[in-house]
Amino acid sequence: MIFPKRLKPGQTIGVIAPASPPNLTNLHKAIPFFNSLGLHVKVAPHVSSTYGYLAGSDEERLHDLHLMFSDRTIDAVFCAGGGFGTSRIVDQIDYKLIQKHPKIFWGYSDITYLHTAIRQKTGLITFHGPMLSSDIGKDDFDAFSTLMFNQLFHPTELTYSESINPLHTLSEGEGSGELVGGNLSLLVNTIGSPYEIDSKGKLLLIEDIGEEPYRIDSFLSQLKLSGKLSEAAGIVVGDFKDAEPKKREESLSLEKVFDHYFSDLDVPVISGFKIGHCLPHYAVPLGAKAELSTITKTLTIQPGVAW
């Protein structure tokens, strides 16, 4: 794996919008947050562009991504928000450019497709964490989520335990491997493509938003039938926000869906992690070595940056 260099006060981060148009008011409200960390902020040229439900044309969004990785004055690349659209540009990305100029890359949700593609094509560790428009620029962005940015300045081993919030064991055991994954629907979207998620011997993180149990059932069925669940060394079940069924009397509960797919696995599965579309938002390095244990009910993740 390639570890990006840690951030230092006085350095500059670049902001891109590779998916849907971000809320520009929230984006600009988030800039002082990075200034308070001692960082300068440079917004890419096409972040305010729109092309229907996209933040600019494919060419414009691709241009900004390449620009921020090639610009030697930029030390990290943060995504403004998610939505839709990263899968449209993934086959046009210059992965050799990213491998030549490895930097911290940060985002989640639709950015999952980029996390998976970049890691599997370059070996670069990337970060699943809250974004400017979606999270940081909102009034309810919390202090705990703020602390998660410390891992970018100092290589930090992360340990998630029940001291943070209650966790639930769905399948017992201990497992270790690289932490991979992200948004469940985006992971399913990679299957059959050159960027198909590789879960073999890895800890697979899943989370999602706005999907009813029958939809999550369908996604997990696809992961099961494609071997992604059985090949994993463990499953980390993050936050599933707004997953309540519209017709409760006709629906299985989300808990029953999880039990169906996870209870018979021969690897550890723990749910309840505040990773995803939630607050607090526990940011994690994808591609870093990690351990999941139902004995201690912990997820331990090695540092994602280098000195």
C-alpha atoms as a PDB file:
ATOM      1  CA  MET A   1       0.000   0.000   0.000  1.00  0.00           C
ATOM      2  CA  ILE A   2       1.001   3.630  -0.542  1.00  0.00           C
ATOM      3  CA  PHE A   3       0.662   5.854   2.517  1.00  0.00           C
ATOM      4  CA  PRO A   4      -0.010   9.533   1.769  1.00  0.00           C
ATOM      5  CA  LYS A   5       2.134  12.015   3.675  1.00  0.00           C
ATOM      6  CA  ARG A   6       0.632  13.543   6.786  1.00  0.00           C
ATOM      7  CA  LEU A   7      -0.610  17.112   6.766  1.00  0.00           C
ATOM      8  CA  LYS A   8       1.256  19.956   8.411  1.00  0.00           C
ATOM      9  CA  PRO A   9      -0.033  23.378   9.464  1.00  0.00           C
ATOM     10  CA  GLY A  10       0.467  25.903   6.689  1.00  0.00           C
ATOM     11  CA  GLN A  11      -0.206  23.407   3.911  1.00  0.00           C
ATOM     12  CA  THR A  12      -3.041  23.634   1.391  1.00  0.00           C
ATOM     13  CA  ILE A  13      -5.941  21.315   0.653  1.00  0.00           C
ATOM     14  CA  GLY A  14      -7.766  21.217  -2.662  1.00  0.00           C
ATOM     15  CA  VAL A  15     -11.546  20.857  -2.912  1.00  0.00           C
ATOM     16  CA  ILE A  16     -13.255  19.044  -5.780  1.00  0.00           C
ATOM     17  CA  ALA A  17     -16.854  18.047  -6.582  1.00  0.00           C
ATOM     18  CA  PRO A  18     -16.613  14.801  -8.568  1.00  0.00           C
ATOM     19  CA  ALA A  19     -20.268  13.843  -8.129  1.00  0.00           C
ATOM     20  CA  SER A  20     -23.376  16.049  -7.711  1.00  0.00           C
ATOM     21  CA  PRO A  21     -23.468  19.854  -7.305  1.00  0.00           C
ATOM     22  CA  PRO A  22     -22.574  20.727  -3.703  1.00  0.00           C
ATOM     23  CA  ASN A  23     -24.417  23.240  -1.571  1.00  0.00           C
ATOM     24  CA  LEU A  24     -22.074  26.179  -2.112  1.00  0.00           C
ATOM     25  CA  THR A  25     -23.227  28.020   1.006  1.00  0.00           C
ATOM     26  CA  ASN A  26     -22.294  25.042   3.180  1.00  0.00           C
ATOM     27  CA  LEU A  27     -19.056  24.592   1.267  1.00  0.00           C
ATOM     28  CA  HIS A  28     -17.900  28.125   1.989  1.00  0.00           C
ATOM     29  CA  LYS A  29     -19.028  27.841   5.612  1.00  0.00           C
ATOM     30  CA  ALA A  30     -16.715  24.824   5.912  1.00  0.00           C
ATOM     31  CA  ILE A  31     -13.574  26.666   4.809  1.00  0.00           C
ATOM     32  CA  PRO A  32     -12.986  28.371   8.215  1.00  0.00           C
ATOM     33  CA  PHE A  33     -13.002  24.900   9.773  1.00  0.00           C
ATOM     34  CA  PHE A  34      -9.903  23.962   7.779  1.00  0.00           C
ATOM     35  CA  ASN A  35      -8.369  27.357   8.486  1.00  0.00           C
ATOM     36  CA  SER A  36      -8.786  26.589  12.211  1.00  0.00           C
ATOM     37  CA  LEU A  37      -6.683  23.465  11.612  1.00  0.00           C
ATOM     38  CA  GLY A  38      -3.945  25.672  10.210  1.00  0.00           C
ATOM     39  CA  LEU A  39      -4.678  24.799   6.577  1.00  0.00           C
ATOM     40  CA  HIS A  40      -5.266  26.875   3.473  1.00  0.00           C
ATOM     41  CA  VAL A  41      -8.052  25.935   1.068  1.00  0.00           C
ATOM     42  CA  LYS A  42      -8.063  26.066  -2.734  1.00  0.00           C
ATOM     43  CA  VAL A  43     -11.334  25.335  -4.492  1.00  0.00           C
ATOM     44  CA  ALA A  44     -11.063  23.681  -7.912  1.00  0.00           C
ATOM     45  CA  PRO A  45     -12.276  25.711 -10.930  1.00  0.00           C
ATOM     46  CA  HIS A  46     -15.435  23.704 -11.686  1.00  0.00           C
ATOM     47  CA  VAL A  47     -16.797  23.058  -8.193  1.00  0.00           C
ATOM     48  CA  SER A  48     -19.619  25.565  -8.782  1.00  0.00           C
ATOM     49  CA  SER A  49     -20.439  24.187 -12.239  1.00  0.00           C
ATOM     50  CA  THR A  50     -23.649  22.282 -12.894  1.00  0.00           C
ATOM     51  CA  TYR A  51     -24.669  19.810 -15.576  1.00  0.00           C
ATOM     52  CA  GLY A  52     -28.080  18.532 -14.594  1.00  0.00           C
ATOM     53  CA  TYR A  53     -27.597  16.335 -11.529  1.00  0.00           C
ATOM     54  CA  LEU A  54     -23.811  16.519 -11.942  1.00  0.00           C
ATOM     55  CA  ALA A  55     -21.314  19.099 -10.687  1.00  0.00           C
ATOM     56  CA  GLY A  56     -20.203  19.921 -14.203  1.00  0.00           C
ATOM     57  CA  SER A  57     -19.585  17.774 -17.234  1.00  0.00           C
ATOM     58  CA  ASP A  58     -17.539  14.596 -16.973  1.00  0.00           C
ATOM     59  CA  GLU A  59     -14.628  16.460 -18.540  1.00  0.00           C
ATOM     60  CA  GLU A  60     -14.839  19.310 -16.015  1.00  0.00           C
ATOM     61  CA  ARG A  61     -15.028  17.050 -12.978  1.00  0.00           C
ATOM     62  CA  LEU A  62     -12.208  14.876 -14.292  1.00  0.00           C
ATOM     63  CA  HIS A  63     -10.115  17.985 -14.990  1.00  0.00           C
ATOM     64  CA  ASP A  64     -10.467  19.158 -11.377  1.00  0.00           C
ATOM     65  CA  LEU A  65      -9.496  15.772  -9.956  1.00  0.00           C
ATOM     66  CA  HIS A  66      -6.388  15.568 -12.136  1.00  0.00           C
ATOM     67  CA  LEU A  67      -5.519  19.206 -11.413  1.00  0.00           C
ATOM     68  CA  MET A  68      -5.545  18.763  -7.664  1.00  0.00           C
ATOM     69  CA  PHE A  69      -3.388  15.644  -7.762  1.00  0.00           C
ATOM     70  CA  SER A  70      -0.871  17.175 -10.180  1.00  0.00           C
ATOM     71  CA  ASP A  71      -0.675  20.595  -8.481  1.00  0.00           C
ATOM     72  CA  ARG A  72       2.414  20.480  -6.246  1.00  0.00           C
ATOM     73  CA  THR A  73       1.024  23.251  -4.026  1.00  0.00           C
ATOM     74  CA  ILE A  74      -1.889  21.003  -3.014  1.00  0.00           C
ATOM     75  CA  ASP A  75      -1.177  18.561  -0.185  1.00  0.00           C
ATOM     76  CA  ALA A  76      -4.551  16.800   0.143  1.00  0.00           C
ATOM     77  CA  VAL A  77      -7.726  16.447  -1.907  1.00  0.00           C
ATOM     78  CA  PHE A  78     -11.128  16.739  -0.218  1.00  0.00           C
ATOM     79  CA  CYS A  79     -14.489  16.132  -1.852  1.00  0.00           C
ATOM     80  CA  ALA A  80     -17.174  18.768  -1.384  1.00  0.00           C
ATOM     81  CA  GLY A  81     -20.015  16.253  -1.405  1.00  0.00           C
ATOM     82  CA  GLY A  82     -21.407  13.069  -2.863  1.00  0.00           C
ATOM     83  CA  GLY A  83     -24.624  12.350  -4.718  1.00  0.00           C
ATOM     84  CA  PHE A  84     -24.142  10.741  -8.094  1.00  0.00           C
ATOM     85  CA  GLY A  85     -21.649  10.634 -10.939  1.00  0.00           C
ATOM     86  CA  THR A  86     -18.236   9.294  -9.935  1.00  0.00           C
ATOM     87  CA  SER A  87     -18.778   6.037 -11.812  1.00  0.00           C
ATOM     88  CA  ARG A  88     -19.082   8.078 -15.036  1.00  0.00           C
ATOM     89  CA  ILE A  89     -15.471   9.272 -14.838  1.00  0.00           C
ATOM     90  CA  VAL A  90     -13.719   6.329 -13.188  1.00  0.00           C
ATOM     91  CA  ASP A  91     -12.539   4.770 -16.458  1.00  0.00           C
ATOM     92  CA  GLN A  92     -10.992   8.072 -17.583  1.00  0.00           C
ATOM     93  CA  ILE A  93      -8.892   8.757 -14.487  1.00  0.00           C
ATOM     94  CA  ASP A  94      -5.117   8.891 -14.916  1.00  0.00           C
ATOM     95  CA  TYR A  95      -4.182   6.443 -12.168  1.00  0.00           C
ATOM     96  CA  LYS A  96      -0.486   6.729 -12.964  1.00  0.00           C
ATOM     97  CA  LEU A  97      -0.755  10.440 -12.162  1.00  0.00           C
ATOM     98  CA  ILE A  98      -2.272   9.666  -8.767  1.00  0.00           C
ATOM     99  CA  GLN A  99       0.343   7.002  -8.079  1.00  0.00           C
ATOM    100  CA  LYS A 100       3.088   9.481  -8.984  1.00  0.00           C
ATOM    101  CA  HIS A 101       1.606  12.197  -6.747  1.00  0.00           C
ATOM    102  CA  PRO A 102      -0.002  10.312  -3.830  1.00  0.00           C
ATOM    103  CA  LYS A 103      -1.979  12.575  -1.512  1.00  0.00           C
ATOM    104  CA  ILE A 104      -4.628  12.331   1.165  1.00  0.00           C
ATOM    105  CA  PHE A 105      -7.954  11.780  -0.598  1.00  0.00           C
ATOM    106  CA  TRP A 106     -11.067  12.257   1.563  1.00  0.00           C
ATOM    107  CA  GLY A 107     -14.815  11.734   1.079  1.00  0.00           C
ATOM    108  CA  TYR A 108     -17.609   9.167   1.313  1.00  0.00           C
ATOM    109  CA  SER A 109     -21.018   8.222  -0.114  1.00  0.00           C
ATOM    110  CA  ASP A 110     -20.773   8.315  -3.941  1.00  0.00           C
ATOM    111  CA  ILE A 111     -17.034   8.842  -3.479  1.00  0.00           C
ATOM    112  CA  THR A 112     -16.935   5.130  -2.548  1.00  0.00           C
ATOM    113  CA  TYR A 113     -16.522   4.328  -6.252  1.00  0.00           C
ATOM    114  CA  LEU A 114     -13.393   6.499  -6.384  1.00  0.00           C
ATOM    115  CA  HIS A 115     -12.034   5.040  -3.133  1.00  0.00           C
ATOM    116  CA  THR A 116     -12.326   1.534  -4.561  1.00  0.00           C
ATOM    117  CA  ALA A 117     -10.924   2.359  -7.988  1.00  0.00           C
ATOM    118  CA  ILE A 118      -8.018   4.468  -6.722  1.00  0.00           C
ATOM    119  CA  ARG A 119      -6.973   1.926  -4.081  1.00  0.00           C
ATOM    120  CA  GLN A 120      -7.170  -1.068  -6.403  1.00  0.00           C
ATOM    121  CA  LYS A 121      -5.433   0.695  -9.288  1.00  0.00           C
ATOM    122  CA  THR A 122      -2.737   2.534  -7.330  1.00  0.00           C
ATOM    123  CA  GLY A 123      -2.484   1.050  -3.821  1.00  0.00           C
ATOM    124  CA  LEU A 124      -3.113   4.468  -2.246  1.00  0.00           C
ATOM    125  CA  ILE A 125      -4.765   4.541   1.169  1.00  0.00           C
ATOM    126  CA  THR A 126      -7.744   6.930   1.071  1.00  0.00           C
ATOM    127  CA  PHE A 127     -10.073   8.275   3.761  1.00  0.00           C
ATOM    128  CA  HIS A 128     -13.783   7.688   4.305  1.00  0.00           C
ATOM    129  CA  GLY A 129     -14.898  10.825   6.141  1.00  0.00           C
ATOM    130  CA  PRO A 130     -17.243  13.827   6.319  1.00  0.00           C
ATOM    131  CA  MET A 131     -17.238  16.343   3.467  1.00  0.00           C
ATOM    132  CA  LEU A 132     -17.466  20.124   3.257  1.00  0.00           C
ATOM    133  CA  SER A 133     -20.931  20.664   1.827  1.00  0.00           C
ATOM    134  CA  SER A 134     -22.559  17.506   3.146  1.00  0.00           C
ATOM    135  CA  ASP A 135     -21.352  17.737   6.717  1.00  0.00           C
ATOM    136  CA  ILE A 136     -18.667  20.184   7.848  1.00  0.00           C
ATOM    137  CA  GLY A 137     -20.457  23.326   6.676  1.00  0.00           C
ATOM    138  CA  LYS A 138     -23.674  22.468   8.523  1.00  0.00           C
ATOM    139  CA  ASP A 139     -24.526  23.930  11.925  1.00  0.00           C
ATOM    140  CA  ASP A 140     -24.809  20.516  13.597  1.00  0.00           C
ATOM    141  CA  PHE A 141     -21.309  19.301  12.714  1.00  0.00           C
ATOM    142  CA  ASP A 142     -20.062  17.983  16.040  1.00  0.00           C
ATOM    143  CA  ALA A 143     -16.871  18.060  18.093  1.00  0.00           C
ATOM    144  CA  PHE A 144     -16.306  14.292  17.989  1.00  0.00           C
ATOM    145  CA  SER A 145     -16.306  14.273  14.176  1.00  0.00           C
ATOM    146  CA  THR A 146     -13.872  17.182  14.274  1.00  0.00           C
ATOM    147  CA  LEU A 147     -11.416  15.125  16.309  1.00  0.00           C
ATOM    148  CA  MET A 148     -11.231  12.537  13.529  1.00  0.00           C
ATOM    149  CA  PHE A 149      -9.201  14.959  11.409  1.00  0.00           C
ATOM    150  CA  ASN A 150      -6.300  14.661  13.869  1.00  0.00           C
ATOM    151  CA  GLN A 151      -5.317  11.367  12.206  1.00  0.00           C
ATOM    152  CA  LEU A 152      -4.259  13.344   9.124  1.00  0.00           C
ATOM    153  CA  PHE A 153      -1.633  15.309  11.068  1.00  0.00           C
ATOM    154  CA  HIS A 154      -0.209  12.511  13.199  1.00  0.00           C
ATOM    155  CA  PRO A 155      -0.152   8.799  12.296  1.00  0.00           C
ATOM    156  CA  THR A 156      -2.746   7.456  14.716  1.00  0.00           C
ATOM    157  CA  GLU A 157      -3.998   3.986  15.535  1.00  0.00           C
ATOM    158  CA  LEU A 158      -7.777   4.126  15.812  1.00  0.00           C
ATOM    159  CA  THR A 159      -9.777   1.926  18.163  1.00  0.00           C
ATOM    160  CA  TYR A 160     -13.550   1.917  17.930  1.00  0.00           C
ATOM    161  CA  SER A 161     -15.199   0.333  20.976  1.00  0.00           C
ATOM    162  CA  GLU A 162     -18.427   0.511  22.932  1.00  0.00           C
ATOM    163  CA  SER A 163     -17.006   3.515  24.768  1.00  0.00           C
ATOM    164  CA  ILE A 164     -18.241   5.433  21.715  1.00  0.00           C
ATOM    165  CA  ASN A 165     -21.670   3.800  21.321  1.00  0.00           C
ATOM    166  CA  PRO A 166     -23.325   0.364  21.664  1.00  0.00           C
ATOM    167  CA  LEU A 167     -22.215  -2.271  19.141  1.00  0.00           C
ATOM    168  CA  HIS A 168     -23.995  -5.480  18.191  1.00  0.00           C
ATOM    169  CA  THR A 169     -22.416  -8.841  17.364  1.00  0.00           C
ATOM    170  CA  LEU A 170     -24.059 -10.550  14.390  1.00  0.00           C
ATOM    171  CA  SER A 171     -21.460 -13.286  13.911  1.00  0.00           C
ATOM    172  CA  GLU A 172     -18.697 -14.138  16.362  1.00  0.00           C
ATOM    173  CA  GLY A 173     -14.976 -14.321  15.746  1.00  0.00           C
ATOM    174  CA  GLU A 174     -11.841 -12.338  15.093  1.00  0.00           C
ATOM    175  CA  GLY A 175     -10.510 -11.235  11.731  1.00  0.00           C
ATOM    176  CA  SER A 176      -7.894  -8.958  10.243  1.00  0.00           C
ATOM    177  CA  GLY A 177      -7.044  -7.467   6.893  1.00  0.00           C
ATOM    178  CA  GLU A 178      -7.216  -4.234   4.956  1.00  0.00           C
ATOM    179  CA  LEU A 179     -10.312  -2.172   5.671  1.00  0.00           C
ATOM    180  CA  VAL A 180     -12.201  -1.642   2.389  1.00  0.00           C
ATOM    181  CA  GLY A 181     -15.696  -0.716   1.248  1.00  0.00           C
ATOM    182  CA  GLY A 182     -18.032   2.180   1.951  1.00  0.00           C
ATOM    183  CA  ASN A 183     -21.483   2.893   0.571  1.00  0.00           C
ATOM    184  CA  LEU A 184     -23.284  -0.408  -0.032  1.00  0.00           C
ATOM    185  CA  SER A 185     -25.158   0.566  -3.198  1.00  0.00           C
ATOM    186  CA  LEU A 186     -21.935   1.884  -4.760  1.00  0.00           C
ATOM    187  CA  LEU A 187     -20.059  -1.304  -3.884  1.00  0.00           C
ATOM    188  CA  VAL A 188     -22.749  -3.334  -5.621  1.00  0.00           C
ATOM    189  CA  ASN A 189     -22.488  -0.971  -8.592  1.00  0.00           C
ATOM    190  CA  THR A 190     -18.834  -1.953  -9.080  1.00  0.00           C
ATOM    191  CA  ILE A 191     -19.597  -5.654  -9.542  1.00  0.00           C
ATOM    192  CA  GLY A 192     -18.935  -6.814 -13.093  1.00  0.00           C
ATOM    193  CA  SER A 193     -16.760  -3.784 -13.843  1.00  0.00           C
ATOM    194  CA  PRO A 194     -12.952  -3.496 -13.946  1.00  0.00           C
ATOM    195  CA  TYR A 195     -13.266  -1.740 -10.565  1.00  0.00           C
ATOM    196  CA  GLU A 196     -15.150  -4.528  -8.791  1.00  0.00           C
ATOM    197  CA  ILE A 197     -14.609  -4.419  -5.041  1.00  0.00           C
ATOM    198  CA  ASP A 198     -12.039  -6.971  -3.866  1.00  0.00           C
ATOM    199  CA  SER A 199     -13.073  -8.264  -0.424  1.00  0.00           C
ATOM    200  CA  LYS A 200     -10.928 -11.398  -0.273  1.00  0.00           C
ATOM    201  CA  GLY A 201      -9.159 -11.538   3.093  1.00  0.00           C
ATOM    202  CA  LYS A 202     -10.293  -7.992   3.909  1.00  0.00           C
ATOM    203  CA  LEU A 203     -12.590  -6.320   6.409  1.00  0.00           C
ATOM    204  CA  LEU A 204     -15.574  -5.103   4.397  1.00  0.00           C
ATOM    205  CA  LEU A 205     -17.236  -1.871   5.560  1.00  0.00           C
ATOM    206  CA  ILE A 206     -20.825  -1.222   4.463  1.00  0.00           C
ATOM    207  CA  GLU A 207     -23.131   1.743   5.089  1.00  0.00           C
ATOM    208  CA  ASP A 208     -25.966   3.494   3.252  1.00  0.00           C
ATOM    209  CA  ILE A 209     -28.723   6.098   3.424  1.00  0.00           C
ATOM    210  CA  GLY A 210     -32.359   6.238   2.387  1.00  0.00           C
ATOM    211  CA  GLU A 211     -32.632   2.582   1.410  1.00  0.00           C
ATOM    212  CA  GLU A 212     -35.532   0.475   2.713  1.00  0.00           C
ATOM    213  CA  PRO A 213     -34.870  -3.053   4.030  1.00  0.00           C
ATOM    214  CA  TYR A 214     -35.958  -4.707   0.759  1.00  0.00           C
ATOM    215  CA  ARG A 215     -33.370  -2.653  -1.126  1.00  0.00           C
ATOM    216  CA  ILE A 216     -30.627  -3.468   1.380  1.00  0.00           C
ATOM    217  CA  ASP A 217     -31.691  -7.113   1.102  1.00  0.00           C
ATOM    218  CA  SER A 218     -31.186  -6.916  -2.664  1.00  0.00           C
ATOM    219  CA  PHE A 219     -27.749  -5.316  -2.304  1.00  0.00           C
ATOM    220  CA  LEU A 220     -26.578  -7.893   0.224  1.00  0.00           C
ATOM    221  CA  SER A 221     -27.928 -10.694  -1.942  1.00  0.00           C
ATOM    222  CA  GLN A 222     -25.754  -9.433  -4.783  1.00  0.00           C
ATOM    223  CA  LEU A 223     -22.711  -9.330  -2.519  1.00  0.00           C
ATOM    224  CA  LYS A 224     -23.442 -12.839  -1.267  1.00  0.00           C
ATOM    225  CA  LEU A 225     -24.001 -14.362  -4.705  1.00  0.00           C
ATOM    226  CA  SER A 226     -20.830 -12.739  -6.040  1.00  0.00           C
ATOM    227  CA  GLY A 227     -18.822 -14.205  -3.145  1.00  0.00           C
ATOM    228  CA  LYS A 228     -17.967 -10.874  -1.561  1.00  0.00           C
ATOM    229  CA  LEU A 229     -19.347 -11.785   1.864  1.00  0.00           C
ATOM    230  CA  SER A 230     -17.863 -15.279   2.151  1.00  0.00           C
ATOM    231  CA  GLU A 231     -14.442 -14.089   0.929  1.00  0.00           C
ATOM    232  CA  ALA A 232     -14.188 -11.305   3.511  1.00  0.00           C
ATOM    233  CA  ALA A 233     -12.227 -11.635   6.752  1.00  0.00           C
ATOM    234  CA  GLY A 234     -14.973  -9.752   8.568  1.00  0.00           C
ATOM    235  CA  ILE A 235     -17.863  -7.350   8.043  1.00  0.00           C
ATOM    236  CA  VAL A 236     -18.041  -3.872   9.595  1.00  0.00           C
ATOM    237  CA  VAL A 237     -21.651  -2.682   9.488  1.00  0.00           C
ATOM    238  CA  GLY A 238     -21.769   1.094   9.602  1.00  0.00           C
ATOM    239  CA  ASP A 239     -24.718   3.454   9.822  1.00  0.00           C
ATOM    240  CA  PHE A 240     -27.872   2.864   7.764  1.00  0.00           C
ATOM    241  CA  LYS A 241     -29.692   6.178   7.997  1.00  0.00           C
ATOM    242  CA  ASP A 242     -33.346   6.563   7.021  1.00  0.00           C
ATOM    243  CA  ALA A 243     -33.791   2.828   6.403  1.00  0.00           C
ATOM    244  CA  GLU A 244     -37.304   2.639   7.845  1.00  0.00           C
ATOM    245  CA  PRO A 245     -39.789   0.879   5.517  1.00  0.00           C
ATOM    246  CA  LYS A 246     -42.642   2.960   4.128  1.00  0.00           C
ATOM    247  CA  LYS A 247     -45.071   0.091   4.712  1.00  0.00           C
ATOM    248  CA  ARG A 248     -43.982  -1.404   8.023  1.00  0.00           C
ATOM    249  CA  GLU A 249     -46.591  -4.149   8.046  1.00  0.00           C
ATOM    250  CA  GLU A 250     -45.280  -5.513   4.736  1.00  0.00           C
ATOM    251  CA  SER A 251     -41.564  -5.291   5.506  1.00  0.00           C
ATOM    252  CA  LEU A 252     -38.860  -7.276   7.202  1.00  0.00           C
ATOM    253  CA  SER A 253     -36.895  -5.273   9.718  1.00  0.00           C
ATOM    254  CA  LEU A 254     -33.367  -4.221   8.878  1.00  0.00           C
ATOM    255  CA  GLU A 255     -32.195  -6.383  11.785  1.00  0.00           C
ATOM    256  CA  LYS A 256     -33.800  -9.477  10.234  1.00  0.00           C
ATOM    257  CA  VAL A 257     -32.171  -8.697   6.886  1.00  0.00           C
ATOM    258  CA  PHE A 258     -28.771  -8.431   8.540  1.00  0.00           C
ATOM    259  CA  ASP A 259     -29.364 -11.645  10.495  1.00  0.00           C
ATOM    260  CA  HIS A 260     -30.226 -13.523   7.290  1.00  0.00           C
ATOM    261  CA  TYR A 261     -26.993 -12.583   5.533  1.00  0.00           C
ATOM    262  CA  PHE A 262     -24.540 -12.407   8.424  1.00  0.00           C
ATOM    263  CA  SER A 263     -25.494 -14.833  11.199  1.00  0.00           C
ATOM    264  CA  ASP A 264     -24.141 -17.923   9.396  1.00  0.00           C
ATOM    265  CA  LEU A 265     -20.878 -16.375   8.204  1.00  0.00           C
ATOM    266  CA  ASP A 266     -17.692 -17.886   9.632  1.00  0.00           C
ATOM    267  CA  VAL A 267     -16.170 -14.440  10.154  1.00  0.00           C
ATOM    268  CA  PRO A 268     -16.805 -11.665  12.699  1.00  0.00           C
ATOM    269  CA  VAL A 269     -19.642  -9.267  11.928  1.00  0.00           C
ATOM    270  CA  ILE A 270     -20.401  -6.289  14.153  1.00  0.00           C
ATOM    271  CA  SER A 271     -23.004  -3.588  13.525  1.00  0.00           C
ATOM    272  CA  GLY A 272     -23.635  -0.164  15.035  1.00  0.00           C
ATOM    273  CA  PHE A 273     -20.520   1.700  13.931  1.00  0.00           C
ATOM    274  CA  LYS A 274     -21.122   5.417  13.421  1.00  0.00           C
ATOM    275  CA  ILE A 275     -19.455   5.351  10.038  1.00  0.00           C
ATOM    276  CA  GLY A 276     -21.466   6.799   7.171  1.00  0.00           C
ATOM    277  CA  HIS A 277     -24.229   9.364   6.750  1.00  0.00           C
ATOM    278  CA  CYS A 278     -24.409  10.137  10.449  1.00  0.00           C
ATOM    279  CA  LEU A 279     -23.216  12.288  13.319  1.00  0.00           C
ATOM    280  CA  PRO A 280     -20.911  11.680  14.942  1.00  0.00           C
ATOM    281  CA  HIS A 281     -19.071  10.574  11.810  1.00  0.00           C
ATOM    282  CA  TYR A 282     -16.125   8.303  12.558  1.00  0.00           C
ATOM    283  CA  ALA A 283     -13.620   8.791   9.734  1.00  0.00           C
ATOM    284  CA  VAL A 284     -11.446   5.817   8.741  1.00  0.00           C
ATOM    285  CA  PRO A 285      -8.548   5.114   6.364  1.00  0.00           C
ATOM    286  CA  LEU A 286      -9.521   2.641   3.645  1.00  0.00           C
ATOM    287  CA  GLY A 287      -6.740   0.244   2.701  1.00  0.00           C
ATOM    288  CA  ALA A 288      -5.124   0.406   6.137  1.00  0.00           C
ATOM    289  CA  LYS A 289      -4.605  -2.784   8.144  1.00  0.00           C
ATOM    290  CA  ALA A 290      -7.357  -3.418  10.679  1.00  0.00           C
ATOM    291  CA  GLU A 291      -8.631  -5.988  13.185  1.00  0.00           C
ATOM    292  CA  LEU A 292     -12.238  -6.780  14.111  1.00  0.00           C
ATOM    293  CA  SER A 293     -12.993  -8.712  17.287  1.00  0.00           C
ATOM    294  CA  THR A 294     -16.320  -9.741  18.786  1.00  0.00           C
ATOM    295  CA  ILE A 295     -14.489 -10.815  21.942  1.00  0.00           C
ATOM    296  CA  THR A 296     -13.469  -7.263  22.769  1.00  0.00           C
ATOM    297  CA  LYS A 297     -16.125  -5.689  20.509  1.00  0.00           C
ATOM    298  CA  THR A 298     -13.538  -3.494  18.859  1.00  0.00           C
ATOM    299  CA  LEU A 299     -12.408  -2.341  15.437  1.00  0.00           C
ATOM    300  CA  THR A 300      -8.739  -1.382  15.497  1.00  0.00           C
ATOM    301  CA  ILE A 301      -7.263   0.394  12.482  1.00  0.00           C
ATOM    302  CA  GLN A 302      -3.609   1.150  11.806  1.00  0.00           C
ATOM    303  CA  PRO A 303      -2.554   4.698  10.800  1.00  0.00           C
ATOM    304  CA  GLY A 304      -3.418   5.817   7.264  1.00  0.00           C
ATOM    305  CA  VAL A 305      -0.693   8.431   6.806  1.00  0.00           C
ATOM    306  CA  ALA A 306       3.089   8.394   6.849  1.00  0.00           C
ATOM    307  CA  TRP A 307       5.428  10.767   8.610  1.00  0.00           C
END
